[in-house]
């Protein structure tokens, strides 16, 4: 009988091969069992999503290119017909992405030709040196070639991880497929394709009557973390079939941004890629708006404000790990600038946000935020309310206030903190969400 040591070498090789296969299967199994769970949909998500009706003059498509994510849409294309005007607002970050720099250079160009917007998620193409510029150029050229548009009318956005070179060939290889599948009904797919850590697509629509002619404004957005005012704080794309010249469209967009996207915050961090693009196709049949003094301009701007505010609030309600949405309303400040300082200091305060997460009516943290804001304040003139509940006045807690009333109010999913400084007519509002353990979980392993 042969001893164990006499086992043929061929048998040993077979056993080693089987062992390697078993190790490989074990590794795959570990990957499967440790895979990240699907995002938990925010408890603040809308119960119903609006249907965005098609707009004459714009078509959409979206597909999976595998930029980072597998098995999900991650690139979208919007194609605008000739005669469309485009306006935009961008992040003020000193490290803004190559895409943002390219859009900034193009946005002021007047043109009667059409335009295209192409967006990818999974990679922000930011802080990637000259390679980032090359990626933008390659994508623009591919879209221009497939659509017949000049590259100067192609606008790009990228969102996702910073500092990783964009594998743009995965996008350019799909451009023709995107063009071939363009549809007036494709905006929902586009909204899904631009999501990163978002737990739901963000959509808004409204209709405006311009002297008997109906015009529609549709908007989509992405944003969940790295949200703080310094422009749009997210990616936003708004489309209308109204006819609006570029200059008044740009002016409306810029001034409405301060009251909407620049008045929200999730975590106090400003993205390198924030982009807000708006296009007016002019195909509604309504009389063109050629200046801000136009009799139809105010009505159109009011409708645009509705869409922008809706999208801004949806971003906060999808804040990473958020369970509470709150408004900070400041009145009685020395001026509007001081009111904004107090509103944003309160909305950004980790101590305020964690107290709200814990449903703790710790109004002392609001006092702290007022004091650190840099705005003029007088202890004995400040009034603080939770909704309609008087909490503090005349330098101390209100005699009528009870902790039970404050604690009961804090259990609501949507809250209002009212602060009156008692010094003047300045007023401002800001919107934010709570800080929870889930925010840390999401961001602690964002790249892993």
Protein backbone atom coordinates (compact mmCIF):
# COMPACT_ATOMS: atom_id res chain seq x y z
CA UNK A 1 0.00 0.00 0.00
CA UNK A 2 1.29 3.45 -0.94
CA UNK A 3 1.98 5.97 1.82
CA UNK A 4 0.30 9.47 1.89
CA UNK A 5 3.62 10.95 0.95
CA UNK A 6 3.57 8.87 -2.21
CA UNK A 7 0.41 10.61 -3.60
CA UNK A 8 1.05 11.35 -7.29
CA UNK A 9 1.92 14.95 -8.16
CA UNK A 10 -0.96 15.06 -10.64
CA UNK A 11 -3.44 14.40 -7.82
CA UNK A 12 -1.89 17.15 -5.70
CA UNK A 13 -2.27 19.62 -8.60
CA UNK A 14 -5.94 18.67 -8.97
CA UNK A 15 -6.54 19.18 -5.27
CA UNK A 16 -4.81 22.57 -5.33
CA UNK A 17 -6.94 23.62 -8.32
CA UNK A 18 -10.13 22.60 -6.50
CA UNK A 19 -8.96 24.52 -3.45
CA UNK A 20 -8.40 27.69 -5.53
CA UNK A 21 -11.91 27.38 -6.98
CA UNK A 22 -13.41 26.94 -3.52
CA UNK A 23 -11.51 29.99 -2.27
CA UNK A 24 -12.80 31.99 -5.24
CA UNK A 25 -16.39 30.94 -4.55
CA UNK A 26 -15.96 31.82 -0.88
CA UNK A 27 -14.65 35.27 -1.82
CA UNK A 28 -17.63 35.87 -4.13
CA UNK A 29 -20.01 34.72 -1.41
CA UNK A 30 -18.45 37.12 1.07
CA UNK A 31 -18.89 39.96 -1.41
CA UNK A 32 -22.55 39.10 -1.90
CA UNK A 33 -23.30 38.86 1.80
CA UNK A 34 -21.42 42.08 2.59
CA UNK A 35 -22.92 44.07 -0.27
CA UNK A 36 -24.38 47.39 0.76
CA UNK A 37 -28.15 47.28 1.25
CA UNK A 38 -30.38 49.30 -1.02
CA UNK A 39 -30.74 52.90 0.17
CA UNK A 40 -33.43 53.37 2.79
CA UNK A 41 -35.99 55.68 1.23
CA UNK A 42 -36.21 58.85 3.26
CA UNK A 43 -39.22 58.92 5.59
CA UNK A 44 -39.72 62.48 4.35
CA UNK A 45 -40.09 61.36 0.71
CA UNK A 46 -43.33 62.40 -1.01
CA UNK A 47 -46.05 59.76 -1.03
CA UNK A 48 -46.82 60.68 -4.64
CA UNK A 49 -44.59 61.93 -7.42
CA UNK A 50 -45.91 64.38 -10.00
CA UNK A 51 -46.20 63.35 -13.61
CA UNK A 52 -44.14 65.73 -15.70
CA UNK A 53 -45.95 66.25 -19.00
CA UNK A 54 -43.89 66.38 -22.20
CA UNK A 55 -42.68 69.81 -23.30
CA UNK A 56 -42.47 70.79 -26.95
CA UNK A 57 -38.86 71.29 -27.98
CA UNK A 58 -37.04 68.95 -25.57
CA UNK A 59 -36.43 65.19 -25.49
CA UNK A 60 -34.72 62.94 -22.95
CA UNK A 61 -32.99 59.58 -22.73
CA UNK A 62 -31.15 57.67 -20.02
CA UNK A 63 -29.24 54.41 -19.79
CA UNK A 64 -26.65 52.44 -17.84
CA UNK A 65 -23.06 53.10 -18.90
CA UNK A 66 -21.31 51.55 -15.89
CA UNK A 67 -19.42 54.72 -14.96
CA UNK A 68 -19.36 53.43 -11.38
CA UNK A 69 -22.65 51.77 -10.64
CA UNK A 70 -23.70 48.47 -12.14
CA UNK A 71 -27.20 47.63 -13.27
CA UNK A 72 -28.68 51.12 -12.97
CA UNK A 73 -29.08 54.19 -15.15
CA UNK A 74 -26.18 56.57 -14.72
CA UNK A 75 -26.13 58.79 -17.82
CA UNK A 76 -28.87 61.05 -19.15
CA UNK A 77 -29.16 63.23 -22.24
CA UNK A 78 -31.52 66.14 -22.89
CA UNK A 79 -31.69 67.52 -26.43
CA UNK A 80 -33.17 70.97 -27.08
CA UNK A 81 -34.54 72.13 -30.40
CA UNK A 82 -33.26 75.14 -32.29
CA UNK A 83 -34.39 78.45 -30.85
CA UNK A 84 -33.95 77.36 -27.22
CA UNK A 85 -32.25 79.67 -24.74
CA UNK A 86 -30.09 78.36 -21.89
CA UNK A 87 -29.18 80.01 -18.58
CA UNK A 88 -27.20 78.68 -15.64
CA UNK A 89 -25.85 79.21 -12.15
CA UNK A 90 -22.83 77.35 -10.77
CA UNK A 91 -20.91 76.59 -7.61
CA UNK A 92 -18.46 79.16 -6.31
CA UNK A 93 -16.14 76.43 -5.05
CA UNK A 94 -12.48 77.20 -5.72
CA UNK A 95 -12.03 73.55 -6.70
CA UNK A 96 -14.97 73.30 -9.07
CA UNK A 97 -14.96 70.54 -11.63
CA UNK A 98 -13.87 70.64 -15.26
CA UNK A 99 -17.52 70.32 -16.26
CA UNK A 100 -18.49 73.42 -14.30
CA UNK A 101 -15.63 75.45 -15.76
CA UNK A 102 -16.66 74.40 -19.26
CA UNK A 103 -20.32 75.29 -18.67
CA UNK A 104 -19.36 78.67 -17.22
CA UNK A 105 -17.41 79.45 -20.40
CA UNK A 106 -20.36 78.51 -22.63
CA UNK A 107 -23.40 79.78 -20.75
CA UNK A 108 -23.16 83.39 -21.89
CA UNK A 109 -23.11 82.54 -25.58
CA UNK A 110 -26.26 83.58 -27.44
CA UNK A 111 -27.23 81.13 -30.14
CA UNK A 112 -30.31 80.22 -32.14
CA UNK A 113 -29.07 76.66 -32.52
CA UNK A 114 -30.30 73.84 -30.32
CA UNK A 115 -28.42 72.55 -27.31
CA UNK A 116 -27.77 69.35 -25.38
CA UNK A 117 -27.20 68.55 -21.72
CA UNK A 118 -25.46 65.29 -20.80
CA UNK A 119 -25.02 64.23 -17.18
CA UNK A 120 -23.36 61.25 -15.52
CA UNK A 121 -23.50 60.05 -11.93
CA UNK A 122 -20.90 58.01 -10.04
CA UNK A 123 -17.89 60.23 -10.78
CA UNK A 124 -17.66 64.02 -10.39
CA UNK A 125 -14.70 64.54 -12.76
CA UNK A 126 -13.39 67.01 -10.18
CA UNK A 127 -9.76 67.47 -9.15
CA UNK A 128 -8.56 65.26 -11.98
CA UNK A 129 -6.16 67.73 -13.59
CA UNK A 130 -5.96 68.09 -17.36
CA UNK A 131 -7.51 64.63 -17.70
CA UNK A 132 -10.79 66.14 -16.50
CA UNK A 133 -10.68 68.77 -19.25
CA UNK A 134 -9.97 66.05 -21.77
CA UNK A 135 -12.96 64.03 -20.58
CA UNK A 136 -15.28 67.01 -20.99
CA UNK A 137 -13.93 67.69 -24.49
CA UNK A 138 -14.33 64.05 -25.53
CA UNK A 139 -17.93 63.88 -24.28
CA UNK A 140 -18.87 67.18 -25.91
CA UNK A 141 -17.39 66.10 -29.23
CA UNK A 142 -19.20 62.77 -29.10
CA UNK A 143 -22.55 64.44 -28.41
CA UNK A 144 -21.91 67.10 -31.05
CA UNK A 145 -21.10 64.45 -33.64
CA UNK A 146 -24.18 62.38 -32.85
CA UNK A 147 -26.62 65.31 -32.71
CA UNK A 148 -25.21 67.68 -35.33
CA UNK A 149 -24.86 70.41 -32.72
CA UNK A 150 -21.69 72.47 -32.25
CA UNK A 151 -19.64 71.41 -29.23
CA UNK A 152 -20.15 74.93 -27.81
CA UNK A 153 -23.84 74.05 -27.35
CA UNK A 154 -23.19 70.87 -25.39
CA UNK A 155 -23.31 71.25 -21.60
CA UNK A 156 -22.00 68.52 -19.31
CA UNK A 157 -22.32 67.69 -15.62
CA UNK A 158 -20.73 64.96 -13.54
CA UNK A 159 -21.54 64.00 -9.96
CA UNK A 160 -20.04 61.46 -7.60
CA UNK A 161 -16.63 60.69 -6.17
CA UNK A 162 -13.99 63.46 -6.31
CA UNK A 163 -10.41 62.87 -7.45
CA UNK A 164 -10.99 59.80 -9.63
CA UNK A 165 -10.47 60.07 -13.38
CA UNK A 166 -13.71 59.85 -15.31
CA UNK A 167 -13.81 56.76 -17.56
CA UNK A 168 -15.41 58.90 -20.27
CA UNK A 169 -15.09 56.20 -22.91
CA UNK A 170 -17.92 54.38 -21.13
CA UNK A 171 -20.06 57.44 -21.76
CA UNK A 172 -18.95 58.28 -25.30
CA UNK A 173 -19.55 54.68 -26.38
CA UNK A 174 -23.19 55.09 -25.34
CA UNK A 175 -23.88 58.51 -26.86
CA UNK A 176 -25.38 57.18 -30.08
CA UNK A 177 -27.67 54.91 -28.06
CA UNK A 178 -28.74 57.93 -26.03
CA UNK A 179 -29.53 59.89 -29.18
CA UNK A 180 -31.40 56.97 -30.74
CA UNK A 181 -33.65 56.59 -27.71
CA UNK A 182 -34.53 60.27 -27.17
CA UNK A 183 -38.19 60.76 -26.28
CA UNK A 184 -40.40 63.64 -25.10
CA UNK A 185 -41.57 61.28 -22.32
CA UNK A 186 -38.12 60.40 -20.98
CA UNK A 187 -37.69 62.93 -18.18
CA UNK A 188 -38.37 60.44 -15.35
CA UNK A 189 -35.52 58.22 -16.53
CA UNK A 190 -33.30 61.29 -16.67
CA UNK A 191 -34.17 62.14 -13.06
CA UNK A 192 -33.25 58.62 -11.96
CA UNK A 193 -29.94 58.60 -13.87
CA UNK A 194 -28.51 61.63 -12.04
CA UNK A 195 -29.01 60.17 -8.53
CA UNK A 196 -26.07 59.19 -6.31
CA UNK A 197 -26.90 58.71 -2.62
CA UNK A 198 -30.40 60.05 -3.28
CA UNK A 199 -33.18 57.76 -2.14
CA UNK A 200 -35.81 59.16 -4.50
CA UNK A 201 -35.97 61.13 -7.73
CA UNK A 202 -36.79 64.81 -7.35
CA UNK A 203 -39.40 66.26 -9.69
CA UNK A 204 -41.54 69.38 -9.87
CA UNK A 205 -43.89 70.90 -12.39
CA UNK A 206 -46.21 73.87 -12.66
CA UNK A 207 -48.34 75.62 -15.25
CA UNK A 208 -48.45 79.37 -15.76
CA UNK A 209 -51.10 81.35 -17.62
CA UNK A 210 -49.49 84.05 -19.74
CA UNK A 211 -52.41 86.14 -20.98
CA UNK A 212 -54.47 83.13 -22.01
CA UNK A 213 -51.64 80.88 -23.16
CA UNK A 214 -50.54 78.09 -20.87
CA UNK A 215 -46.84 77.49 -20.43
CA UNK A 216 -45.29 74.62 -18.48
CA UNK A 217 -42.19 74.51 -16.29
CA UNK A 218 -40.69 71.10 -15.43
CA UNK A 219 -37.71 70.51 -13.16
CA UNK A 220 -35.57 67.61 -11.94
CA UNK A 221 -32.80 67.62 -9.34
CA UNK A 222 -30.37 65.44 -7.45
CA UNK A 223 -28.92 66.13 -4.06
CA UNK A 224 -28.69 64.40 -0.71
CA UNK A 225 -25.33 65.21 0.90
CA UNK A 226 -22.56 67.79 0.52
CA UNK A 227 -25.34 70.35 0.54
CA UNK A 228 -24.64 73.91 1.65
CA UNK A 229 -25.37 77.27 0.07
CA UNK A 230 -22.84 78.56 -2.40
CA UNK A 231 -25.01 78.29 -5.51
CA UNK A 232 -27.33 75.50 -6.40
CA UNK A 233 -25.99 72.98 -3.87
CA UNK A 234 -26.94 70.15 -6.23
CA UNK A 235 -27.57 69.32 -9.88
CA UNK A 236 -30.76 70.90 -11.20
CA UNK A 237 -32.24 70.96 -14.69
CA UNK A 238 -35.32 73.03 -15.44
CA UNK A 239 -37.18 73.16 -18.75
CA UNK A 240 -40.00 75.35 -20.02
CA UNK A 241 -41.85 75.72 -23.30
CA UNK A 242 -42.16 79.46 -22.69
CA UNK A 243 -40.21 81.83 -24.91
CA UNK A 244 -37.76 83.78 -22.73
CA UNK A 245 -34.69 85.63 -23.97
CA UNK A 246 -31.43 84.55 -22.39
CA UNK A 247 -30.75 87.75 -20.42
CA UNK A 248 -34.08 87.92 -18.52
CA UNK A 249 -33.99 84.13 -18.05
CA UNK A 250 -30.52 84.40 -16.51
CA UNK A 251 -31.57 87.31 -14.30
CA UNK A 252 -34.63 85.46 -12.96
CA UNK A 253 -32.64 82.29 -12.33
CA UNK A 254 -29.87 84.09 -10.50
CA UNK A 255 -32.05 86.07 -8.13
CA UNK A 256 -34.40 83.17 -7.37
CA UNK A 257 -31.42 80.98 -6.46
CA UNK A 258 -30.71 83.03 -3.32
CA UNK A 259 -34.21 82.44 -1.93
CA UNK A 260 -34.32 78.75 -2.84
CA UNK A 261 -31.18 76.67 -3.45
CA UNK A 262 -28.96 79.09 -1.55
CA UNK A 263 -31.23 78.87 1.49
CA UNK A 264 -31.00 75.13 2.12
CA UNK A 265 -28.37 73.12 3.93
CA UNK A 266 -27.88 69.48 4.85
CA UNK A 267 -24.35 69.35 6.20
CA UNK A 268 -22.60 72.65 5.57
CA UNK A 269 -20.39 71.28 2.78
CA UNK A 270 -20.38 72.78 -0.70
CA UNK A 271 -19.90 70.54 -3.72
CA UNK A 272 -17.33 71.00 -6.46
CA UNK A 273 -19.95 70.22 -9.10
CA UNK A 274 -23.07 72.26 -8.31
CA UNK A 275 -24.86 73.14 -11.50
CA UNK A 276 -28.25 74.66 -12.29
CA UNK A 277 -29.17 74.80 -15.96
CA UNK A 278 -32.44 76.09 -17.35
CA UNK A 279 -33.68 75.93 -20.92
CA UNK A 280 -36.60 77.71 -22.56
CA UNK A 281 -37.69 76.11 -25.84
CA UNK A 282 -40.12 78.86 -26.86
CA UNK A 283 -42.59 76.42 -28.41
CA UNK A 284 -45.68 77.11 -26.27
CA UNK A 285 -46.96 79.81 -28.59
CA UNK A 286 -46.92 82.41 -25.81
CA UNK A 287 -45.63 85.90 -26.50
CA UNK A 288 -41.85 85.97 -25.90
CA UNK A 289 -40.56 87.54 -22.68
CA UNK A 290 -37.77 89.83 -23.81
CA UNK A 291 -37.02 91.74 -20.58
CA UNK A 292 -37.78 91.76 -16.88
CA UNK A 293 -40.16 94.66 -17.52
CA UNK A 294 -42.28 92.49 -19.79
CA UNK A 295 -45.90 92.29 -18.49
CA UNK A 296 -45.65 88.48 -18.43
CA UNK A 297 -42.29 88.31 -16.66
CA UNK A 298 -43.64 88.49 -13.09
CA UNK A 299 -46.13 85.65 -13.61
CA UNK A 300 -43.50 83.45 -15.22
CA UNK A 301 -40.99 84.18 -12.48
CA UNK A 302 -43.55 83.28 -9.81
CA UNK A 303 -44.08 79.90 -11.48
CA UNK A 304 -40.34 79.37 -11.77
CA UNK A 305 -39.94 80.17 -8.06
CA UNK A 306 -42.51 77.47 -7.22
CA UNK A 307 -40.55 74.80 -9.09
CA UNK A 308 -37.20 75.90 -7.69
CA UNK A 309 -38.54 75.97 -4.12
CA UNK A 310 -40.14 72.54 -4.52
CA UNK A 311 -36.86 71.04 -5.71
CA UNK A 312 -34.84 72.76 -2.98
CA UNK A 313 -37.11 71.37 -0.27
CA UNK A 314 -37.04 67.88 -1.80
CA UNK A 315 -33.25 67.87 -1.60
CA UNK A 316 -33.38 68.66 2.12
CA UNK A 317 -36.07 66.04 2.70
CA UNK A 318 -33.71 63.51 1.12
CA UNK A 319 -30.77 64.68 3.21
CA UNK A 320 -28.57 61.71 4.02
CA UNK A 321 -30.11 59.96 7.00
CA UNK A 322 -32.75 62.67 7.51
CA UNK A 323 -35.84 62.01 9.59
CA UNK A 324 -36.90 65.64 10.21
CA UNK A 325 -37.32 68.66 7.93
CA UNK A 326 -37.21 72.07 9.56
CA UNK A 327 -37.56 75.70 8.60
CA UNK A 328 -35.78 78.54 10.38
CA UNK A 329 -37.74 81.77 9.96
CA UNK A 330 -35.98 84.90 11.17
CA UNK A 331 -37.68 88.28 11.48
CA UNK A 332 -36.89 91.54 13.25
CA UNK A 333 -33.24 91.60 12.24
CA UNK A 334 -31.35 94.82 11.65
CA UNK A 335 -31.41 93.97 7.93
CA UNK A 336 -31.96 91.02 5.61
CA UNK A 337 -28.26 90.13 5.64
CA UNK A 338 -28.28 89.75 9.43
CA UNK A 339 -31.47 87.70 9.25
CA UNK A 340 -29.79 85.36 6.81
CA UNK A 341 -26.77 85.01 9.10
CA UNK A 342 -29.00 83.85 11.95
CA UNK A 343 -31.11 81.58 9.76
CA UNK A 344 -28.11 79.79 8.27
CA UNK A 345 -26.19 79.60 11.57
CA UNK A 346 -29.19 77.86 13.12
CA UNK A 347 -29.90 75.60 10.15
CA UNK A 348 -26.24 74.56 9.92
CA UNK A 349 -25.61 74.00 13.62
CA UNK A 350 -24.76 70.34 14.36
CA UNK A 351 -26.04 70.90 17.91
CA UNK A 352 -29.41 72.17 16.70
CA UNK A 353 -29.64 69.40 14.11
CA UNK A 354 -28.80 66.61 16.57
CA UNK A 355 -31.27 67.98 19.13
CA UNK A 356 -33.98 67.86 16.47
CA UNK A 357 -32.95 64.30 15.60
CA UNK A 358 -33.39 63.35 19.25
CA UNK A 359 -36.69 65.26 19.50
CA UNK A 360 -35.13 67.33 22.27
CA UNK A 361 -36.62 70.86 22.58
CA UNK A 362 -33.24 72.28 23.57
CA UNK A 363 -33.93 75.92 22.76
CA UNK A 364 -30.62 76.93 24.33
CA UNK A 365 -28.91 75.66 21.20
CA UNK A 366 -30.90 78.17 19.14
CA UNK A 367 -29.73 80.91 21.50
CA UNK A 368 -26.19 79.68 20.88
CA UNK A 369 -26.65 79.79 17.10
CA UNK A 370 -27.99 83.34 17.22
CA UNK A 371 -25.03 84.44 19.29
CA UNK A 372 -22.37 82.89 17.06
CA UNK A 373 -23.94 84.05 13.77
CA UNK A 374 -22.26 87.46 13.68
CA UNK A 375 -25.60 89.27 13.40
CA UNK A 376 -26.60 92.10 15.72
CA UNK A 377 -28.59 90.74 18.65
CA UNK A 378 -29.87 91.92 22.03
CA UNK A 379 -30.62 89.20 24.58
CA UNK A 380 -33.67 91.02 25.96
CA UNK A 381 -35.24 91.61 22.54
CA UNK A 382 -35.08 88.03 21.20
CA UNK A 383 -38.22 85.92 20.90
CA UNK A 384 -38.07 82.22 20.04
CA UNK A 385 -41.00 80.01 19.07
CA UNK A 386 -41.42 76.35 18.10
CA UNK A 387 -44.20 76.75 15.56
CA UNK A 388 -46.83 78.76 17.48
CA UNK A 389 -45.42 77.80 20.88
CA UNK A 390 -43.77 80.74 22.66
CA UNK A 391 -40.50 79.39 24.07
CA UNK A 392 -38.36 82.35 25.13
CA UNK A 393 -38.72 86.13 25.36
CA UNK A 394 -37.33 89.12 27.22
CA UNK A 395 -34.01 87.44 27.93
CA UNK A 396 -35.32 84.16 29.39
CA UNK A 397 -37.73 81.27 29.02
CA UNK A 398 -41.36 82.35 28.58
CA UNK A 399 -43.54 81.89 31.67
CA UNK A 400 -46.15 80.04 29.59
CA UNK A 401 -43.69 77.54 28.11
CA UNK A 402 -43.55 73.92 29.23
CA UNK A 403 -41.04 71.24 28.29
CA UNK A 404 -43.94 68.88 27.64
CA UNK A 405 -45.32 71.17 24.95
CA UNK A 406 -41.89 71.56 23.37
CA UNK A 407 -41.20 67.82 23.42
CA UNK A 408 -44.58 67.06 21.87
CA UNK A 409 -43.92 69.55 19.07
CA UNK A 410 -40.52 68.02 18.32
CA UNK A 411 -42.10 64.68 17.47
CA UNK A 412 -43.51 66.10 14.24
CA UNK A 413 -41.65 65.25 10.99
CA UNK A 414 -41.74 68.89 9.81
CA UNK A 415 -40.90 71.74 12.17
CA UNK A 416 -40.67 75.54 12.16
CA UNK A 417 -38.27 77.48 14.38
CA UNK A 418 -39.26 81.14 14.57
CA UNK A 419 -36.75 83.72 15.76
CA UNK A 420 -37.56 87.42 16.10
CA UNK A 421 -34.58 89.61 16.95
CA UNK A 422 -36.70 92.68 17.70
CA UNK A 423 -34.26 95.10 16.07
CA UNK A 424 -35.60 96.00 12.64
CA UNK A 425 -37.35 94.78 9.49
CA UNK A 426 -34.80 92.25 8.24
CA UNK A 427 -36.16 88.80 7.42
CA UNK A 428 -34.90 85.52 5.96
CA UNK A 429 -35.69 81.82 5.88
CA UNK A 430 -33.56 78.70 5.68
CA UNK A 431 -34.41 75.01 5.44
CA UNK A 432 -32.49 72.07 6.80
CA UNK A 433 -32.77 68.53 8.16
CA UNK A 434 -31.63 66.70 11.26
CA UNK A 435 -28.32 64.88 11.76
CA UNK A 436 -28.67 61.18 12.52
CA UNK A 437 -26.37 58.18 12.87
CA UNK A 438 -27.40 57.19 9.36
CA UNK A 439 -25.64 60.27 7.92
CA UNK A 440 -22.37 59.03 9.42
CA UNK A 441 -22.94 55.49 8.14
CA UNK A 442 -23.57 56.71 4.58
CA UNK A 443 -20.53 58.97 4.44
CA UNK A 444 -18.11 56.79 6.42
CA UNK A 445 -18.08 54.17 3.64
CA UNK A 446 -19.08 56.29 0.62
CA UNK A 447 -16.05 55.15 -1.41
CA UNK A 448 -15.71 51.62 -0.05
